Amino acid sequence: MTATIIPFDPKYAKDFARLNIEWLEKYFVVEPLDKELLQQCEETIINKGGYIFFAKVGDEIAGTFSLINIEENVYELGKMAVSPKFQGLKIGQQLLQFCIDFAKEQEWKKIILYSNRILENAIYIYNKFGFTEIPIEENPLYKRSNIKMQLIL
């Protein structure tokens, strides 16, 4: 199934929060930083030089991800989620490929991400797309993070 990848539109802000909270509650817990980023995504991501994209299938938002500006030409791939209804259809891989292509067009240096080793399928896909593990900070931004990866562009 092919999704159409569209840029952020305020009318989809609730979908951004809903998809991520759904995912977080399934595997982990919603942390204070998650709430801040999800409930105020324009202020905390878009207005700080970041991006949010959505995968749209028909009239439905099937998935999403954000690119959070960390430093010049370095972005964090975060808040990636696919609706349970659309899982298993490679929507996440389409989002990831779009993310990498977009970053290359912007001539960024690298993309980083934080994840958790229990998400074996996600880690496998990140590796497949060229991400490699790097040392994680002693106190990462999210308690659930136990792996940090990067893709040099």
C-alpha atoms as a PDB file:
ATOM      1  CA  MET A   1       0.000   0.000   0.000  1.00  0.00           C
ATOM      2  CA  THR A   2       1.411   3.351  -0.986  1.00  0.00           C
ATOM      3  CA  ALA A   3       0.799   6.340   1.228  1.00  0.00           C
ATOM      4  CA  THR A   4       0.994   9.982   0.229  1.00  0.00           C
ATOM      5  CA  ILE A   5       3.486  11.842   2.423  1.00  0.00           C
ATOM      6  CA  ILE A   6       2.297  15.341   3.253  1.00  0.00           C
ATOM      7  CA  PRO A   7       3.867  18.166   5.293  1.00  0.00           C
ATOM      8  CA  PHE A   8       2.515  19.494   8.574  1.00  0.00           C
ATOM      9  CA  ASP A   9      -0.875  21.155   8.557  1.00  0.00           C
ATOM     10  CA  PRO A  10      -2.329  22.410  11.866  1.00  0.00           C
ATOM     11  CA  LYS A  11      -5.538  20.499  11.150  1.00  0.00           C
ATOM     12  CA  TYR A  12      -3.565  17.264  11.634  1.00  0.00           C
ATOM     13  CA  ALA A  13      -1.924  18.260  14.945  1.00  0.00           C
ATOM     14  CA  LYS A  14      -4.396  16.107  16.886  1.00  0.00           C
ATOM     15  CA  ASP A  15      -3.523  13.119  14.669  1.00  0.00           C
ATOM     16  CA  PHE A  16       0.169  13.666  15.447  1.00  0.00           C
ATOM     17  CA  ALA A  17      -0.576  13.502  19.179  1.00  0.00           C
ATOM     18  CA  ARG A  18      -3.090  10.642  18.916  1.00  0.00           C
ATOM     19  CA  LEU A  19      -0.850   8.331  16.868  1.00  0.00           C
ATOM     20  CA  ASN A  20       2.115   8.846  19.162  1.00  0.00           C
ATOM     21  CA  ILE A  21       0.187   8.499  22.424  1.00  0.00           C
ATOM     22  CA  GLU A  22      -1.418   5.303  21.095  1.00  0.00           C
ATOM     23  CA  TRP A  23       2.048   3.877  20.354  1.00  0.00           C
ATOM     24  CA  LEU A  24       3.668   5.081  23.573  1.00  0.00           C
ATOM     25  CA  GLU A  25       0.903   3.674  25.774  1.00  0.00           C
ATOM     26  CA  LYS A  26       1.169   0.307  24.018  1.00  0.00           C
ATOM     27  CA  TYR A  27       4.904  -0.116  24.666  1.00  0.00           C
ATOM     28  CA  PHE A  28       5.983   2.405  27.304  1.00  0.00           C
ATOM     29  CA  VAL A  29       4.525   5.428  29.097  1.00  0.00           C
ATOM     30  CA  VAL A  30       3.941   8.984  27.934  1.00  0.00           C
ATOM     31  CA  GLU A  31       6.734  11.039  29.505  1.00  0.00           C
ATOM     32  CA  PRO A  32       6.544  14.794  30.286  1.00  0.00           C
ATOM     33  CA  LEU A  33       8.733  15.662  27.250  1.00  0.00           C
ATOM     34  CA  ASP A  34       6.402  13.609  25.037  1.00  0.00           C
ATOM     35  CA  LYS A  35       3.391  15.588  26.270  1.00  0.00           C
ATOM     36  CA  GLU A  36       5.139  18.896  25.599  1.00  0.00           C
ATOM     37  CA  LEU A  37       6.184  17.913  22.064  1.00  0.00           C
ATOM     38  CA  LEU A  38       2.862  16.310  21.168  1.00  0.00           C
ATOM     39  CA  GLN A  39       0.451  18.829  22.652  1.00  0.00           C
ATOM     40  CA  GLN A  40       2.366  21.875  21.420  1.00  0.00           C
ATOM     41  CA  CYS A  41       3.987  20.487  18.286  1.00  0.00           C
ATOM     42  CA  GLU A  42       3.923  23.779  16.378  1.00  0.00           C
ATOM     43  CA  GLU A  43       5.710  25.645  19.171  1.00  0.00           C
ATOM     44  CA  THR A  44       8.124  22.872  20.177  1.00  0.00           C
ATOM     45  CA  ILE A  45       9.014  21.411  16.762  1.00  0.00           C
ATOM     46  CA  ILE A  46       7.883  23.490  13.752  1.00  0.00           C
ATOM     47  CA  ASN A  47       8.672  26.947  15.159  1.00  0.00           C
ATOM     48  CA  LYS A  48      12.137  25.761  16.229  1.00  0.00           C
ATOM     49  CA  GLY A  49      13.182  24.800  12.699  1.00  0.00           C
ATOM     50  CA  GLY A  50      11.774  21.281  12.727  1.00  0.00           C
ATOM     51  CA  TYR A  51       9.369  19.393  10.513  1.00  0.00           C
ATOM     52  CA  ILE A  52       6.414  17.070  10.860  1.00  0.00           C
ATOM     53  CA  PHE A  53       5.155  14.853   8.060  1.00  0.00           C
ATOM     54  CA  PHE A  54       2.176  12.559   7.716  1.00  0.00           C
ATOM     55  CA  ALA A  55       1.414   9.432   5.725  1.00  0.00           C
ATOM     56  CA  LYS A  56      -2.061   9.730   4.302  1.00  0.00           C
ATOM     57  CA  VAL A  57      -4.002   6.783   2.897  1.00  0.00           C
ATOM     58  CA  GLY A  58      -7.222   7.916   1.273  1.00  0.00           C
ATOM     59  CA  ASP A  59      -8.694  10.419   3.727  1.00  0.00           C
ATOM     60  CA  GLU A  60      -7.001   8.889   6.766  1.00  0.00           C
ATOM     61  CA  ILE A  61      -3.764   9.826   8.496  1.00  0.00           C
ATOM     62  CA  ALA A  62      -1.987   6.472   8.729  1.00  0.00           C
ATOM     63  CA  GLY A  63       1.332   7.541  10.224  1.00  0.00           C
ATOM     64  CA  THR A  64       3.618  10.403  11.149  1.00  0.00           C
ATOM     65  CA  PHE A  65       7.145  11.418  12.119  1.00  0.00           C
ATOM     66  CA  SER A  66       9.012  14.544  13.101  1.00  0.00           C
ATOM     67  CA  LEU A  67      12.456  15.930  12.481  1.00  0.00           C
ATOM     68  CA  ILE A  68      13.584  17.931  15.495  1.00  0.00           C
ATOM     69  CA  ASN A  69      16.367  20.457  14.990  1.00  0.00           C
ATOM     70  CA  ILE A  70      19.278  19.518  17.282  1.00  0.00           C
ATOM     71  CA  GLU A  71      22.027  21.703  15.829  1.00  0.00           C
ATOM     72  CA  GLU A  72      22.866  23.090  12.406  1.00  0.00           C
ATOM     73  CA  ASN A  73      22.347  20.332   9.807  1.00  0.00           C
ATOM     74  CA  VAL A  74      21.656  17.692  12.487  1.00  0.00           C
ATOM     75  CA  TYR A  75      18.122  16.518  13.170  1.00  0.00           C
ATOM     76  CA  GLU A  76      16.534  13.956  15.432  1.00  0.00           C
ATOM     77  CA  LEU A  77      14.056  11.599  13.848  1.00  0.00           C
ATOM     78  CA  GLY A  78      11.374  11.365  16.495  1.00  0.00           C
ATOM     79  CA  LYS A  79       7.734  10.789  17.163  1.00  0.00           C
ATOM     80  CA  MET A  80       7.417   8.207  14.409  1.00  0.00           C
ATOM     81  CA  ALA A  81       4.188   6.237  14.684  1.00  0.00           C
ATOM     82  CA  VAL A  82       1.880   4.245  12.428  1.00  0.00           C
ATOM     83  CA  SER A  83      -1.752   3.597  13.276  1.00  0.00           C
ATOM     84  CA  PRO A  84      -2.400  -0.021  14.328  1.00  0.00           C
ATOM     85  CA  LYS A  85      -4.923  -0.201  11.469  1.00  0.00           C
ATOM     86  CA  PHE A  86      -2.090   0.398   8.961  1.00  0.00           C
ATOM     87  CA  GLN A  87       0.739  -1.576  10.577  1.00  0.00           C
ATOM     88  CA  GLY A  88       2.332  -4.308   8.508  1.00  0.00           C
ATOM     89  CA  LEU A  89       1.792  -2.378   5.256  1.00  0.00           C
ATOM     90  CA  LYS A  90       5.299  -0.828   5.131  1.00  0.00           C
ATOM     91  CA  ILE A  91       3.967   2.674   5.899  1.00  0.00           C
ATOM     92  CA  GLY A  92       6.801   3.141   8.412  1.00  0.00           C
ATOM     93  CA  GLN A  93       9.372   2.242   5.774  1.00  0.00           C
ATOM     94  CA  GLN A  94       7.803   4.721   3.340  1.00  0.00           C
ATOM     95  CA  LEU A  95       8.009   7.417   6.016  1.00  0.00           C
ATOM     96  CA  LEU A  96      11.626   6.522   6.779  1.00  0.00           C
ATOM     97  CA  GLN A  97      12.641   6.608   3.109  1.00  0.00           C
ATOM     98  CA  PHE A  98      10.904   9.971   2.695  1.00  0.00           C
ATOM     99  CA  CYS A  99      12.725  11.244   5.794  1.00  0.00           C
ATOM    100  CA  ILE A 100      16.134  10.233   4.434  1.00  0.00           C
ATOM    101  CA  ASP A 101      15.432  11.669   0.971  1.00  0.00           C
ATOM    102  CA  PHE A 102      14.203  14.925   2.520  1.00  0.00           C
ATOM    103  CA  ALA A 103      17.300  15.199   4.739  1.00  0.00           C
ATOM    104  CA  LYS A 104      19.591  14.657   1.744  1.00  0.00           C
ATOM    105  CA  GLU A 105      17.737  17.337  -0.253  1.00  0.00           C
ATOM    106  CA  GLN A 106      18.305  19.730   2.670  1.00  0.00           C
ATOM    107  CA  GLU A 107      22.002  18.761   2.657  1.00  0.00           C
ATOM    108  CA  TRP A 108      21.979  17.870   6.343  1.00  0.00           C
ATOM    109  CA  LYS A 109      24.993  16.117   7.887  1.00  0.00           C
ATOM    110  CA  LYS A 110      23.171  13.462   9.871  1.00  0.00           C
ATOM    111  CA  ILE A 111      19.985  12.194  11.441  1.00  0.00           C
ATOM    112  CA  ILE A 112      19.980  10.728  14.929  1.00  0.00           C
ATOM    113  CA  LEU A 113      17.283   8.762  16.711  1.00  0.00           C
ATOM    114  CA  TYR A 114      16.603   7.207  20.084  1.00  0.00           C
ATOM    115  CA  SER A 115      14.820   3.908  20.469  1.00  0.00           C
ATOM    116  CA  ASN A 116      14.505   0.868  22.684  1.00  0.00           C
ATOM    117  CA  ARG A 117      15.932  -2.574  22.005  1.00  0.00           C
ATOM    118  CA  ILE A 118      12.588  -4.280  22.655  1.00  0.00           C
ATOM    119  CA  LEU A 119      11.400  -2.720  19.367  1.00  0.00           C
ATOM    120  CA  GLU A 120      13.300  -5.312  17.354  1.00  0.00           C
ATOM    121  CA  ASN A 121      11.428  -4.688  14.099  1.00  0.00           C
ATOM    122  CA  ALA A 122      12.118  -0.956  14.272  1.00  0.00           C
ATOM    123  CA  ILE A 123      15.817  -1.484  15.020  1.00  0.00           C
ATOM    124  CA  TYR A 124      16.036  -3.966  12.129  1.00  0.00           C
ATOM    125  CA  ILE A 125      14.479  -1.427   9.744  1.00  0.00           C
ATOM    126  CA  TYR A 126      16.743   1.394  10.950  1.00  0.00           C
ATOM    127  CA  ASN A 127      19.766  -0.826  10.299  1.00  0.00           C
ATOM    128  CA  LYS A 128      18.385  -1.782   6.884  1.00  0.00           C
ATOM    129  CA  PHE A 129      18.180   1.928   5.982  1.00  0.00           C
ATOM    130  CA  GLY A 130      21.790   2.560   7.049  1.00  0.00           C
ATOM    131  CA  PHE A 131      21.497   3.755  10.641  1.00  0.00           C
ATOM    132  CA  THR A 132      24.281   2.576  12.955  1.00  0.00           C
ATOM    133  CA  GLU A 133      24.411   2.406  16.727  1.00  0.00           C
ATOM    134  CA  ILE A 134      26.395   5.082  18.561  1.00  0.00           C
ATOM    135  CA  PRO A 135      26.997   5.574  22.306  1.00  0.00           C
ATOM    136  CA  ILE A 136      23.983   6.911  24.161  1.00  0.00           C
ATOM    137  CA  GLU A 137      24.199   9.678  26.753  1.00  0.00           C
ATOM    138  CA  GLU A 138      24.235   8.717  30.415  1.00  0.00           C
ATOM    139  CA  ASN A 139      20.886  10.477  30.905  1.00  0.00           C
ATOM    140  CA  PRO A 140      19.011  10.398  27.575  1.00  0.00           C
ATOM    141  CA  LEU A 141      16.043  12.700  26.990  1.00  0.00           C
ATOM    142  CA  TYR A 142      13.623   9.783  27.323  1.00  0.00           C
ATOM    143  CA  LYS A 143      13.741   7.186  30.114  1.00  0.00           C
ATOM    144  CA  ARG A 144      12.662   4.498  27.627  1.00  0.00           C
ATOM    145  CA  SER A 145      15.696   5.085  25.364  1.00  0.00           C
ATOM    146  CA  ASN A 146      18.411   2.467  25.565  1.00  0.00           C
ATOM    147  CA  ILE A 147      19.827   2.764  22.052  1.00  0.00           C
ATOM    148  CA  LYS A 148      20.927   5.749  20.000  1.00  0.00           C
ATOM    149  CA  MET A 149      21.521   5.518  16.262  1.00  0.00           C
ATOM    150  CA  GLN A 150      22.709   7.835  13.518  1.00  0.00           C
ATOM    151  CA  LEU A 151      22.688   8.036   9.771  1.00  0.00           C
ATOM    152  CA  ILE A 152      25.520  10.063   8.244  1.00  0.00           C
ATOM    153  CA  LEU A 153      24.152  11.617   5.055  1.00  0.00           C
END
